[in-house]
Structure formats: structure tokens, C-alpha cells
Amino acid sequence: MTTTLPAVPAGAAGTRGGGAPARRRSERQPVSAWLLAPALILFGGFALVPLGGAVALSFTSWNGLGTPAWLGLDNWGAVLTDHVTWLTLWITLQVMVGTWLVQTPLSLLLGVYLAPRGRWRAWMAAVYFIALLMSSSAVALVFKNLLDPNFGLAGPAGPGFLRHSWLGDPNTVLIAVILIIAWHFVPLHTLLYHAGARQIPGSLYEAAQLDGAGTVRRFFSITMPQLRYTIVTSSTLMLVGSLTYFDLVFVLTAGGPGYATRLLPLHMYLTGFTATEMGRASAIATILAVVGLALSLGLTRLSGFTRMQSQQEGM
């Protein structure tokens, strides 16, 4: 005996398998907009409104007291023609590239090394991540005392290779700052690679090992490709985050000696609160925001971040 199934309308079929009808999709769109509303309100209140205030102040003359006086484009002309502004941009670029070159290989290797489960590896990771709990100012104070040429490790009682005024020599201060920044932030990026490496299926390594692939070959053929999205995320955080280094450098060197470590955010602070030129400082702040936004969008576009797809599909 055969049973004849009733015909299912095309619209009803879409509700079971292929997808929701257009009417229901359109009904869900306002819900997604409402879910985005809190984030948009916070972003507008804490990002767009202050940025708009900085842009408005960049066209005025203001010393932090009294009423701002309209200047037009004078502040922008003074900032863009000042050699110190371009020098700070160049120093910021050096710190950006230098910290990326130091942090990326170290955090990648440490993250992959600490990924396998084990009691001693977990203990080692917990000790290593303590640096994340320390504030940048505290880290700067510790290293400033350690590298003091009078009573620190760089003094007469320290090892021979450290007996040098690392923070007082214009030729070595930038290297010292880059290494200190890396020491402080490598644990953060190690945590990212640690989490990413733990998501790689063990079956890939087992199959490669059966094919005779060694440790180095498995690292470059499996680990690196599987972590490419993590590398993009970590690199974006490193490069864009390097535009916000202020407290650590300020406590370490205050931008000196001379202009050797005067990064763009530090230049903004010194212009506004030391020289009391809030209008020019606001113009520098706007430049800083534009550079950060352009860098973030450029990295996202060039790396294909918006086209990322799951690498676990079919595993």
C-alpha cells in the first residue's frame, strides 16, 4: 500500500529546511538593530563625542582656562609644519615596527610551546602571565630603577654588559623602551596564541607524524596556517595599540633624552599640559585618531579579516 504525502507549499518548505521566509527575516531585522543599540550608544558617547570635541578645539586657542578663542586653521598649520610633529611620527613608527618584530615571534613560540596540556606547563604559564597584572606605570618604575646607572643593574655593581646608561643615551634608549614594552605585552599576545594553538585538531599532527613530518615541518605546515587569523588579530592589536603607549614611556623617559622617545601621544600630552596649548594638542589628538583608524582599516582590508571563515569546518 502506498501513501500519498500532501503537497507542501513553497513558502512553507522554506521555513523547515532552506531558510526562513523573507517576511520573517524582515521581522528579525529590528531586533538585531536593538541589540546593537547599547554598543552604538557607548561608542558614540565615549569615542565619537570626545573626538568631535577634540576636532572643535583644534580650531581654537585655549590654555585650559577661560573661553576658547577661534583661530581657524592656524593650529593645523603650526602642527603640520612643525618638525617635532614629523619627528614624533617617525619615532612612533620605529616603536611600532620594533615592538611588532620583537613581540610576534616571542609570543607565537611561547603560546605554541605552552599550548599542550600538562601540570608544569600550566604552572609555567600562570607565573609568566603575572606581568599582565602589573600596570604600565609600575613596570616603568621597576625598569627605571633597574637600569639606573648609579645604583641599579646598569651601575658599577651590575654585570659588565649592562653597565651603561641605557635610558640616558640617545643611541640606546629607544632599544631599551622597545624591549621593556615587549616584556610587558608579550604575555597578552602569548595568551592569544595559546588559545589559538589549543583549537588546532590533534588529528592533523597525528596524520603529519605518520607521514614522517618532523617538529619544524609540522610547525610551518600545520601550526602557522591554522594560526593565521590569530596572527592577524594579534598584529592589529600590536600595531594599533602602539599608538597609545604613553604612561610607560612617560614614566621611563618623559620623552627624553631630547626627543629620542617622544612618541605622538606623549607629544600631544606635553603640548597640551606642559606648553598649555590645548588647541594644538587637540589637532595632534585628531591626527593620532586618524592614523589609528587608517591603520586599523588598512590592516583589516589587506589581511582579509572581514572574509575570515572557520578553519574547523569538516574536522
C-alpha atoms as a PDB file:
ATOM      1  CA  MET A   1       0.000   0.000   0.000  1.00  0.00           C
ATOM      2  CA  THR A   2       1.330   3.387  -0.934  1.00  0.00           C
ATOM      3  CA  THR A   3       0.769   6.595   0.951  1.00  0.00           C
ATOM      4  CA  THR A   4       0.439   9.863  -0.843  1.00  0.00           C
ATOM      5  CA  LEU A   5       2.004  12.776   1.002  1.00  0.00           C
ATOM      6  CA  PRO A   6       0.218  16.102   0.829  1.00  0.00           C
ATOM      7  CA  ALA A   7       1.877  18.788  -1.267  1.00  0.00           C
ATOM      8  CA  VAL A   8       3.854  21.332   0.721  1.00  0.00           C
ATOM      9  CA  PRO A   9       3.665  24.933  -0.451  1.00  0.00           C
ATOM     10  CA  ALA A  10       6.932  26.535  -1.498  1.00  0.00           C
ATOM     11  CA  GLY A  11       6.702  29.130   1.244  1.00  0.00           C
ATOM     12  CA  ALA A  12       6.216  26.516   3.928  1.00  0.00           C
ATOM     13  CA  ALA A  13       9.183  24.481   2.706  1.00  0.00           C
ATOM     14  CA  GLY A  14      11.473  27.387   3.269  1.00  0.00           C
ATOM     15  CA  THR A  15      10.506  27.503   6.933  1.00  0.00           C
ATOM     16  CA  ARG A  16      11.749  23.947   7.547  1.00  0.00           C
ATOM     17  CA  GLY A  17      14.961  23.478   5.598  1.00  0.00           C
ATOM     18  CA  GLY A  18      16.218  26.093   3.185  1.00  0.00           C
ATOM     19  CA  GLY A  19      15.757  29.088   5.465  1.00  0.00           C
ATOM     20  CA  ALA A  20      13.223  31.471   6.926  1.00  0.00           C
ATOM     21  CA  PRO A  21      10.805  33.319   4.657  1.00  0.00           C
ATOM     22  CA  ALA A  22      11.584  36.870   3.653  1.00  0.00           C
ATOM     23  CA  ARG A  23       8.785  38.149   5.853  1.00  0.00           C
ATOM     24  CA  ARG A  24      10.261  36.601   8.980  1.00  0.00           C
ATOM     25  CA  ARG A  25      13.745  37.792   8.097  1.00  0.00           C
ATOM     26  CA  SER A  26      12.492  41.353   7.773  1.00  0.00           C
ATOM     27  CA  GLU A  27      10.745  40.983  11.142  1.00  0.00           C
ATOM     28  CA  ARG A  28      14.036  39.987  12.796  1.00  0.00           C
ATOM     29  CA  GLN A  29      15.994  42.960  11.438  1.00  0.00           C
ATOM     30  CA  PRO A  30      14.689  45.493  14.019  1.00  0.00           C
ATOM     31  CA  VAL A  31      15.657  43.039  16.777  1.00  0.00           C
ATOM     32  CA  SER A  32      19.280  42.951  15.613  1.00  0.00           C
ATOM     33  CA  ALA A  33      19.295  46.755  15.437  1.00  0.00           C
ATOM     34  CA  TRP A  34      18.054  46.972  19.020  1.00  0.00           C
ATOM     35  CA  LEU A  35      20.795  44.575  20.122  1.00  0.00           C
ATOM     36  CA  LEU A  36      23.392  46.867  18.551  1.00  0.00           C
ATOM     37  CA  ALA A  37      21.931  49.981  20.152  1.00  0.00           C
ATOM     38  CA  PRO A  38      23.759  49.741  23.549  1.00  0.00           C
ATOM     39  CA  ALA A  39      27.134  49.258  21.847  1.00  0.00           C
ATOM     40  CA  LEU A  40      26.447  52.136  19.452  1.00  0.00           C
ATOM     41  CA  ILE A  41      25.419  54.421  22.320  1.00  0.00           C
ATOM     42  CA  LEU A  42      28.570  53.595  24.291  1.00  0.00           C
ATOM     43  CA  PHE A  43      30.750  54.039  21.209  1.00  0.00           C
ATOM     44  CA  GLY A  44      29.126  57.373  20.422  1.00  0.00           C
ATOM     45  CA  GLY A  45      29.355  58.632  23.996  1.00  0.00           C
ATOM     46  CA  PHE A  46      32.920  57.561  24.717  1.00  0.00           C
ATOM     47  CA  ALA A  47      34.509  57.777  21.250  1.00  0.00           C
ATOM     48  CA  LEU A  48      32.668  59.993  18.773  1.00  0.00           C
ATOM     49  CA  VAL A  49      31.655  62.767  21.169  1.00  0.00           C
ATOM     50  CA  PRO A  50      35.184  63.259  22.638  1.00  0.00           C
ATOM     51  CA  LEU A  51      36.676  63.065  19.147  1.00  0.00           C
ATOM     52  CA  GLY A  52      34.237  65.707  17.949  1.00  0.00           C
ATOM     53  CA  GLY A  53      35.206  67.918  20.901  1.00  0.00           C
ATOM     54  CA  ALA A  54      38.901  67.489  20.068  1.00  0.00           C
ATOM     55  CA  VAL A  55      38.274  68.423  16.431  1.00  0.00           C
ATOM     56  CA  ALA A  56      36.352  71.530  17.506  1.00  0.00           C
ATOM     57  CA  LEU A  57      39.089  72.592  19.966  1.00  0.00           C
ATOM     58  CA  SER A  58      41.748  72.151  17.269  1.00  0.00           C
ATOM     59  CA  PHE A  59      40.403  75.309  15.599  1.00  0.00           C
ATOM     60  CA  THR A  60      40.693  77.397  18.758  1.00  0.00           C
ATOM     61  CA  SER A  61      43.314  78.901  21.065  1.00  0.00           C
ATOM     62  CA  TRP A  62      42.828  77.693  24.619  1.00  0.00           C
ATOM     63  CA  ASN A  63      45.156  77.286  27.596  1.00  0.00           C
ATOM     64  CA  GLY A  64      42.780  75.120  29.614  1.00  0.00           C
ATOM     65  CA  LEU A  65      41.213  78.089  31.414  1.00  0.00           C
ATOM     66  CA  GLY A  66      38.782  80.723  30.267  1.00  0.00           C
ATOM     67  CA  THR A  67      36.970  80.710  26.954  1.00  0.00           C
ATOM     68  CA  PRO A  68      38.483  79.216  23.791  1.00  0.00           C
ATOM     69  CA  ALA A  69      39.171  81.787  21.055  1.00  0.00           C
ATOM     70  CA  TRP A  70      38.588  80.914  17.395  1.00  0.00           C
ATOM     71  CA  LEU A  71      41.788  80.613  15.340  1.00  0.00           C
ATOM     72  CA  GLY A  72      40.696  78.735  12.249  1.00  0.00           C
ATOM     73  CA  LEU A  73      43.416  76.637  10.631  1.00  0.00           C
ATOM     74  CA  ASP A  74      46.339  78.273  12.451  1.00  0.00           C
ATOM     75  CA  ASN A  75      46.816  75.340  14.829  1.00  0.00           C
ATOM     76  CA  TRP A  76      46.785  72.854  11.981  1.00  0.00           C
ATOM     77  CA  GLY A  77      49.298  74.876  10.004  1.00  0.00           C
ATOM     78  CA  ALA A  78      51.596  75.134  13.035  1.00  0.00           C
ATOM     79  CA  VAL A  79      51.342  71.398  13.835  1.00  0.00           C
ATOM     80  CA  LEU A  80      51.818  70.179  10.265  1.00  0.00           C
ATOM     81  CA  THR A  81      54.810  72.446   9.655  1.00  0.00           C
ATOM     82  CA  ASP A  82      56.479  71.678  12.984  1.00  0.00           C
ATOM     83  CA  HIS A  83      59.464  69.344  12.537  1.00  0.00           C
ATOM     84  CA  VAL A  84      58.825  67.921  16.034  1.00  0.00           C
ATOM     85  CA  THR A  85      55.476  66.535  14.886  1.00  0.00           C
ATOM     86  CA  TRP A  86      57.074  64.652  11.993  1.00  0.00           C
ATOM     87  CA  LEU A  87      59.909  63.515  14.245  1.00  0.00           C
ATOM     88  CA  THR A  88      57.435  62.064  16.749  1.00  0.00           C
ATOM     89  CA  LEU A  89      55.610  60.322  13.911  1.00  0.00           C
ATOM     90  CA  TRP A  90      58.897  58.755  12.775  1.00  0.00           C
ATOM     91  CA  ILE A  91      59.769  57.655  16.338  1.00  0.00           C
ATOM     92  CA  THR A  92      56.264  56.236  16.782  1.00  0.00           C
ATOM     93  CA  LEU A  93      56.684  54.263  13.545  1.00  0.00           C
ATOM     94  CA  GLN A  94      60.015  52.879  14.777  1.00  0.00           C
ATOM     95  CA  VAL A  95      58.461  51.780  18.067  1.00  0.00           C
ATOM     96  CA  MET A  96      55.504  50.281  16.200  1.00  0.00           C
ATOM     97  CA  VAL A  97      57.659  48.180  13.890  1.00  0.00           C
ATOM     98  CA  GLY A  98      60.228  47.345  16.563  1.00  0.00           C
ATOM     99  CA  THR A  99      57.706  46.109  19.123  1.00  0.00           C
ATOM    100  CA  TRP A 100      55.961  44.030  16.443  1.00  0.00           C
ATOM    101  CA  LEU A 101      59.233  42.401  15.365  1.00  0.00           C
ATOM    102  CA  VAL A 102      60.093  41.525  18.974  1.00  0.00           C
ATOM    103  CA  GLN A 103      56.666  40.548  20.290  1.00  0.00           C
ATOM    104  CA  THR A 104      55.313  38.479  17.392  1.00  0.00           C
ATOM    105  CA  PRO A 105      57.909  35.665  17.242  1.00  0.00           C
ATOM    106  CA  LEU A 106      58.294  35.512  21.030  1.00  0.00           C
ATOM    107  CA  SER A 107      54.573  35.385  21.785  1.00  0.00           C
ATOM    108  CA  LEU A 108      53.927  32.930  18.929  1.00  0.00           C
ATOM    109  CA  LEU A 109      56.606  30.480  20.073  1.00  0.00           C
ATOM    110  CA  LEU A 110      55.657  30.799  23.740  1.00  0.00           C
ATOM    111  CA  GLY A 111      51.952  30.383  23.008  1.00  0.00           C
ATOM    112  CA  VAL A 112      52.538  27.244  20.937  1.00  0.00           C
ATOM    113  CA  TYR A 113      55.001  25.863  23.486  1.00  0.00           C
ATOM    114  CA  LEU A 114      52.581  26.333  26.401  1.00  0.00           C
ATOM    115  CA  ALA A 115      49.556  25.006  24.497  1.00  0.00           C
ATOM    116  CA  PRO A 116      49.966  21.235  25.246  1.00  0.00           C
ATOM    117  CA  ARG A 117      48.254  20.261  28.471  1.00  0.00           C
ATOM    118  CA  GLY A 118      50.444  19.447  31.439  1.00  0.00           C
ATOM    119  CA  ARG A 119      50.778  20.459  35.067  1.00  0.00           C
ATOM    120  CA  TRP A 120      54.220  22.004  34.754  1.00  0.00           C
ATOM    121  CA  ARG A 121      53.256  23.888  31.589  1.00  0.00           C
ATOM    122  CA  ALA A 122      50.154  25.266  33.321  1.00  0.00           C
ATOM    123  CA  TRP A 123      52.265  26.362  36.302  1.00  0.00           C
ATOM    124  CA  MET A 124      54.793  27.976  33.977  1.00  0.00           C
ATOM    125  CA  ALA A 125      52.044  29.800  32.078  1.00  0.00           C
ATOM    126  CA  ALA A 126      50.474  31.091  35.309  1.00  0.00           C
ATOM    127  CA  VAL A 127      53.805  32.503  36.503  1.00  0.00           C
ATOM    128  CA  TYR A 128      54.568  34.019  33.123  1.00  0.00           C
ATOM    129  CA  PHE A 129      51.199  35.783  32.852  1.00  0.00           C
ATOM    130  CA  ILE A 130      51.771  37.674  36.110  1.00  0.00           C
ATOM    131  CA  ALA A 131      53.196  40.529  34.025  1.00  0.00           C
ATOM    132  CA  LEU A 132      49.678  41.119  32.694  1.00  0.00           C
ATOM    133  CA  LEU A 133      48.506  42.014  36.202  1.00  0.00           C
ATOM    134  CA  MET A 134      51.046  44.808  36.582  1.00  0.00           C
ATOM    135  CA  SER A 135      50.243  48.335  35.472  1.00  0.00           C
ATOM    136  CA  SER A 136      52.395  50.027  32.863  1.00  0.00           C
ATOM    137  CA  SER A 137      53.481  52.666  35.379  1.00  0.00           C
ATOM    138  CA  ALA A 138      54.653  50.015  37.835  1.00  0.00           C
ATOM    139  CA  VAL A 139      56.603  48.221  35.083  1.00  0.00           C
ATOM    140  CA  ALA A 140      58.220  51.507  34.061  1.00  0.00           C
ATOM    141  CA  LEU A 141      59.235  52.315  37.640  1.00  0.00           C
ATOM    142  CA  VAL A 142      60.788  48.872  38.129  1.00  0.00           C
ATOM    143  CA  PHE A 143      62.842  49.027  34.930  1.00  0.00           C
ATOM    144  CA  LYS A 144      63.792  52.650  35.514  1.00  0.00           C
ATOM    145  CA  ASN A 145      65.361  51.660  38.825  1.00  0.00           C
ATOM    146  CA  LEU A 146      66.930  48.513  37.408  1.00  0.00           C
ATOM    147  CA  LEU A 147      68.579  50.481  34.603  1.00  0.00           C
ATOM    148  CA  ASP A 148      69.700  53.341  36.829  1.00  0.00           C
ATOM    149  CA  PRO A 149      73.445  53.898  36.162  1.00  0.00           C
ATOM    150  CA  ASN A 150      74.092  54.825  39.823  1.00  0.00           C
ATOM    151  CA  PHE A 151      72.564  52.034  41.903  1.00  0.00           C
ATOM    152  CA  GLY A 152      70.744  49.688  39.506  1.00  0.00           C
ATOM    153  CA  LEU A 153      71.924  46.735  37.455  1.00  0.00           C
ATOM    154  CA  ALA A 154      73.396  49.228  34.991  1.00  0.00           C
ATOM    155  CA  GLY A 155      75.587  50.663  37.764  1.00  0.00           C
ATOM    156  CA  PRO A 156      79.095  49.718  38.864  1.00  0.00           C
ATOM    157  CA  ALA A 157      77.830  46.687  40.806  1.00  0.00           C
ATOM    158  CA  GLY A 158      75.924  45.230  37.852  1.00  0.00           C
ATOM    159  CA  PRO A 159      77.078  42.828  35.138  1.00  0.00           C
ATOM    160  CA  GLY A 160      79.587  44.202  32.663  1.00  0.00           C
ATOM    161  CA  PHE A 161      77.306  44.108  29.631  1.00  0.00           C
ATOM    162  CA  LEU A 162      74.663  46.140  31.490  1.00  0.00           C
ATOM    163  CA  ARG A 163      76.976  48.898  32.723  1.00  0.00           C
ATOM    164  CA  HIS A 164      75.614  51.602  30.506  1.00  0.00           C
ATOM    165  CA  SER A 165      73.165  54.479  30.800  1.00  0.00           C
ATOM    166  CA  TRP A 166      70.553  52.769  28.658  1.00  0.00           C
ATOM    167  CA  LEU A 167      67.838  55.338  29.286  1.00  0.00           C
ATOM    168  CA  GLY A 168      70.196  58.330  29.112  1.00  0.00           C
ATOM    169  CA  ASP A 169      71.940  57.513  25.841  1.00  0.00           C
ATOM    170  CA  PRO A 170      70.008  58.663  22.710  1.00  0.00           C
ATOM    171  CA  ASN A 171      71.521  55.746  20.786  1.00  0.00           C
ATOM    172  CA  THR A 172      70.214  53.032  23.129  1.00  0.00           C
ATOM    173  CA  VAL A 173      67.151  54.493  24.823  1.00  0.00           C
ATOM    174  CA  LEU A 174      64.749  53.545  22.014  1.00  0.00           C
ATOM    175  CA  ILE A 175      66.001  49.948  22.026  1.00  0.00           C
ATOM    176  CA  ALA A 176      65.536  49.782  25.790  1.00  0.00           C
ATOM    177  CA  VAL A 177      61.994  51.197  25.540  1.00  0.00           C
ATOM    178  CA  ILE A 178      61.031  48.698  22.803  1.00  0.00           C
ATOM    179  CA  LEU A 179      62.337  45.750  24.845  1.00  0.00           C
ATOM    180  CA  ILE A 180      60.556  46.923  28.012  1.00  0.00           C
ATOM    181  CA  ILE A 181      57.277  47.363  26.113  1.00  0.00           C
ATOM    182  CA  ALA A 182      57.704  43.865  24.671  1.00  0.00           C
ATOM    183  CA  TRP A 183      58.368  42.399  28.134  1.00  0.00           C
ATOM    184  CA  HIS A 184      55.131  43.912  29.376  1.00  0.00           C
ATOM    185  CA  PHE A 185      52.843  42.984  26.479  1.00  0.00           C
ATOM    186  CA  VAL A 186      54.258  39.682  25.168  1.00  0.00           C
ATOM    187  CA  PRO A 187      52.192  37.730  27.768  1.00  0.00           C
ATOM    188  CA  LEU A 188      48.974  39.224  26.381  1.00  0.00           C
ATOM    189  CA  HIS A 189      49.708  38.061  22.844  1.00  0.00           C
ATOM    190  CA  THR A 190      51.065  34.766  24.149  1.00  0.00           C
ATOM    191  CA  LEU A 191      47.628  34.220  25.667  1.00  0.00           C
ATOM    192  CA  LEU A 192      46.038  34.764  22.244  1.00  0.00           C
ATOM    193  CA  TYR A 193      48.364  32.264  20.545  1.00  0.00           C
ATOM    194  CA  HIS A 194      47.987  29.873  23.467  1.00  0.00           C
ATOM    195  CA  ALA A 195      44.203  29.832  22.982  1.00  0.00           C
ATOM    196  CA  GLY A 196      44.519  29.569  19.197  1.00  0.00           C
ATOM    197  CA  ALA A 197      47.003  26.689  19.333  1.00  0.00           C
ATOM    198  CA  ARG A 198      44.714  24.709  21.625  1.00  0.00           C
ATOM    199  CA  GLN A 199      41.957  24.838  18.998  1.00  0.00           C
ATOM    200  CA  ILE A 200      44.053  23.049  16.361  1.00  0.00           C
ATOM    201  CA  PRO A 201      42.786  19.449  15.975  1.00  0.00           C
ATOM    202  CA  GLY A 202      45.293  16.877  17.174  1.00  0.00           C
ATOM    203  CA  SER A 203      44.388  14.643  14.239  1.00  0.00           C
ATOM    204  CA  LEU A 204      46.301  16.984  11.917  1.00  0.00           C
ATOM    205  CA  TYR A 205      49.508  16.457  13.868  1.00  0.00           C
ATOM    206  CA  GLU A 206      48.934  12.714  14.117  1.00  0.00           C
ATOM    207  CA  ALA A 207      48.470  12.412  10.350  1.00  0.00           C
ATOM    208  CA  ALA A 208      51.560  14.538   9.674  1.00  0.00           C
ATOM    209  CA  GLN A 209      53.606  12.470  12.122  1.00  0.00           C
ATOM    210  CA  LEU A 210      52.551   9.267  10.379  1.00  0.00           C
ATOM    211  CA  ASP A 211      53.726  10.797   7.103  1.00  0.00           C
ATOM    212  CA  GLY A 212      57.147  11.392   8.654  1.00  0.00           C
ATOM    213  CA  ALA A 213      56.906  15.150   9.222  1.00  0.00           C
ATOM    214  CA  GLY A 214      59.217  16.428  11.953  1.00  0.00           C
ATOM    215  CA  THR A 215      58.538  19.096  14.578  1.00  0.00           C
ATOM    216  CA  VAL A 216      59.707  22.015  12.442  1.00  0.00           C
ATOM    217  CA  ARG A 217      57.765  20.807   9.398  1.00  0.00           C
ATOM    218  CA  ARG A 218      54.590  20.365  11.462  1.00  0.00           C
ATOM    219  CA  PHE A 219      55.022  23.879  12.865  1.00  0.00           C
ATOM    220  CA  PHE A 220      55.282  25.562   9.459  1.00  0.00           C
ATOM    221  CA  SER A 221      52.808  23.290   7.631  1.00  0.00           C
ATOM    222  CA  ILE A 222      50.088  22.990  10.289  1.00  0.00           C
ATOM    223  CA  THR A 223      50.525  25.383  13.209  1.00  0.00           C
ATOM    224  CA  MET A 224      51.305  28.538  11.237  1.00  0.00           C
ATOM    225  CA  PRO A 225      48.480  28.167   8.678  1.00  0.00           C
ATOM    226  CA  GLN A 226      45.993  27.320  11.417  1.00  0.00           C
ATOM    227  CA  LEU A 227      47.031  30.394  13.407  1.00  0.00           C
ATOM    228  CA  ARG A 228      46.954  32.886  10.554  1.00  0.00           C
ATOM    229  CA  TYR A 229      43.763  34.544  11.812  1.00  0.00           C
ATOM    230  CA  THR A 230      45.249  34.786  15.301  1.00  0.00           C
ATOM    231  CA  ILE A 231      48.388  36.339  13.807  1.00  0.00           C
ATOM    232  CA  VAL A 232      46.244  38.964  12.048  1.00  0.00           C
ATOM    233  CA  THR A 233      44.321  39.752  15.243  1.00  0.00           C
ATOM    234  CA  SER A 234      47.447  39.931  17.393  1.00  0.00           C
ATOM    235  CA  SER A 235      49.312  42.076  14.849  1.00  0.00           C
ATOM    236  CA  THR A 236      46.399  44.507  14.593  1.00  0.00           C
ATOM    237  CA  LEU A 237      46.287  44.881  18.376  1.00  0.00           C
ATOM    238  CA  MET A 238      50.058  45.372  18.495  1.00  0.00           C
ATOM    239  CA  LEU A 239      50.316  47.964  15.734  1.00  0.00           C
ATOM    240  CA  VAL A 240      47.244  49.988  16.639  1.00  0.00           C
ATOM    241  CA  GLY A 241      47.989  49.656  20.358  1.00  0.00           C
ATOM    242  CA  SER A 242      51.464  51.094  19.814  1.00  0.00           C
ATOM    243  CA  LEU A 243      49.767  54.428  19.124  1.00  0.00           C
ATOM    244  CA  THR A 244      48.562  54.518  22.746  1.00  0.00           C
ATOM    245  CA  TYR A 245      51.891  53.978  24.550  1.00  0.00           C
ATOM    246  CA  PHE A 246      52.029  56.894  26.951  1.00  0.00           C
ATOM    247  CA  ASP A 247      52.265  56.083  30.662  1.00  0.00           C
ATOM    248  CA  LEU A 248      55.094  53.559  30.328  1.00  0.00           C
ATOM    249  CA  VAL A 249      57.240  55.862  28.172  1.00  0.00           C
ATOM    250  CA  PHE A 250      56.343  58.933  30.230  1.00  0.00           C
ATOM    251  CA  VAL A 251      57.483  57.336  33.499  1.00  0.00           C
ATOM    252  CA  LEU A 252      60.583  55.795  31.890  1.00  0.00           C
ATOM    253  CA  THR A 253      61.992  58.754  29.979  1.00  0.00           C
ATOM    254  CA  ALA A 254      59.368  61.544  29.765  1.00  0.00           C
ATOM    255  CA  GLY A 255      60.185  61.619  26.048  1.00  0.00           C
ATOM    256  CA  GLY A 256      63.924  62.141  26.511  1.00  0.00           C
ATOM    257  CA  PRO A 257      66.748  62.395  26.272  1.00  0.00           C
ATOM    258  CA  GLY A 258      65.903  65.275  23.971  1.00  0.00           C
ATOM    259  CA  TYR A 259      63.245  63.978  21.569  1.00  0.00           C
ATOM    260  CA  ALA A 260      64.627  60.423  21.398  1.00  0.00           C
ATOM    261  CA  THR A 261      61.470  58.753  22.803  1.00  0.00           C
ATOM    262  CA  ARG A 262      58.864  61.452  22.247  1.00  0.00           C
ATOM    263  CA  LEU A 263      56.033  59.393  20.823  1.00  0.00           C
ATOM    264  CA  LEU A 264      52.988  61.021  19.258  1.00  0.00           C
ATOM    265  CA  PRO A 265      50.663  60.545  22.300  1.00  0.00           C
ATOM    266  CA  LEU A 266      53.404  61.899  24.567  1.00  0.00           C
ATOM    267  CA  HIS A 267      53.878  64.850  22.214  1.00  0.00           C
ATOM    268  CA  MET A 268      50.150  65.518  22.477  1.00  0.00           C
ATOM    269  CA  TYR A 269      50.273  65.461  26.283  1.00  0.00           C
ATOM    270  CA  LEU A 270      53.323  67.702  26.574  1.00  0.00           C
ATOM    271  CA  THR A 271      51.872  70.194  24.084  1.00  0.00           C
ATOM    272  CA  GLY A 272      48.577  70.397  25.954  1.00  0.00           C
ATOM    273  CA  PHE A 273      49.546  70.199  29.621  1.00  0.00           C
ATOM    274  CA  THR A 274      53.135  71.475  29.666  1.00  0.00           C
ATOM    275  CA  ALA A 275      53.011  74.113  26.945  1.00  0.00           C
ATOM    276  CA  THR A 276      49.277  74.760  27.740  1.00  0.00           C
ATOM    277  CA  GLU A 277      48.380  74.830  24.049  1.00  0.00           C
ATOM    278  CA  MET A 278      45.202  72.810  24.103  1.00  0.00           C
ATOM    279  CA  GLY A 279      44.259  73.785  20.553  1.00  0.00           C
ATOM    280  CA  ARG A 280      47.445  72.339  19.075  1.00  0.00           C
ATOM    281  CA  ALA A 281      47.206  69.316  21.353  1.00  0.00           C
ATOM    282  CA  SER A 282      43.681  68.707  20.046  1.00  0.00           C
ATOM    283  CA  ALA A 283      44.972  68.850  16.478  1.00  0.00           C
ATOM    284  CA  ILE A 284      47.640  66.248  17.373  1.00  0.00           C
ATOM    285  CA  ALA A 285      44.952  64.113  19.037  1.00  0.00           C
ATOM    286  CA  THR A 286      42.899  64.247  15.833  1.00  0.00           C
ATOM    287  CA  ILE A 287      45.926  63.195  13.786  1.00  0.00           C
ATOM    288  CA  LEU A 288      46.508  60.328  16.221  1.00  0.00           C
ATOM    289  CA  ALA A 289      42.908  59.151  15.877  1.00  0.00           C
ATOM    290  CA  VAL A 290      43.005  59.367  12.074  1.00  0.00           C
ATOM    291  CA  VAL A 291      46.297  57.435  11.889  1.00  0.00           C
ATOM    292  CA  GLY A 292      44.943  54.741  14.210  1.00  0.00           C
ATOM    293  CA  LEU A 293      41.703  54.424  12.259  1.00  0.00           C
ATOM    294  CA  ALA A 294      43.502  54.297   8.897  1.00  0.00           C
ATOM    295  CA  LEU A 295      45.958  51.697  10.201  1.00  0.00           C
ATOM    296  CA  SER A 296      43.194  49.533  11.624  1.00  0.00           C
ATOM    297  CA  LEU A 297      41.083  49.699   8.444  1.00  0.00           C
ATOM    298  CA  GLY A 298      44.137  49.076   6.248  1.00  0.00           C
ATOM    299  CA  LEU A 299      45.188  46.000   8.216  1.00  0.00           C
ATOM    300  CA  THR A 300      41.638  44.675   8.208  1.00  0.00           C
ATOM    301  CA  ARG A 301      41.304  45.117   4.467  1.00  0.00           C
ATOM    302  CA  LEU A 302      44.737  43.832   3.443  1.00  0.00           C
ATOM    303  CA  SER A 303      44.620  40.792   5.716  1.00  0.00           C
ATOM    304  CA  GLY A 304      41.130  39.731   4.648  1.00  0.00           C
ATOM    305  CA  PHE A 305      39.929  39.917   8.259  1.00  0.00           C
ATOM    306  CA  THR A 306      36.326  40.535   7.193  1.00  0.00           C
ATOM    307  CA  ARG A 307      36.361  37.439   4.955  1.00  0.00           C
ATOM    308  CA  MET A 308      37.571  35.032   7.601  1.00  0.00           C
ATOM    309  CA  GLN A 309      35.890  31.630   7.706  1.00  0.00           C
ATOM    310  CA  SER A 310      36.056  28.785  10.150  1.00  0.00           C
ATOM    311  CA  GLN A 311      39.099  26.553   9.773  1.00  0.00           C
ATOM    312  CA  GLN A 312      37.440  23.748  11.759  1.00  0.00           C
ATOM    313  CA  GLU A 313      34.825  23.041   9.114  1.00  0.00           C
ATOM    314  CA  GLY A 314      34.848  19.363   8.173  1.00  0.00           C
ATOM    315  CA  MET A 315      37.206  18.383  11.012  1.00  0.00           C
END
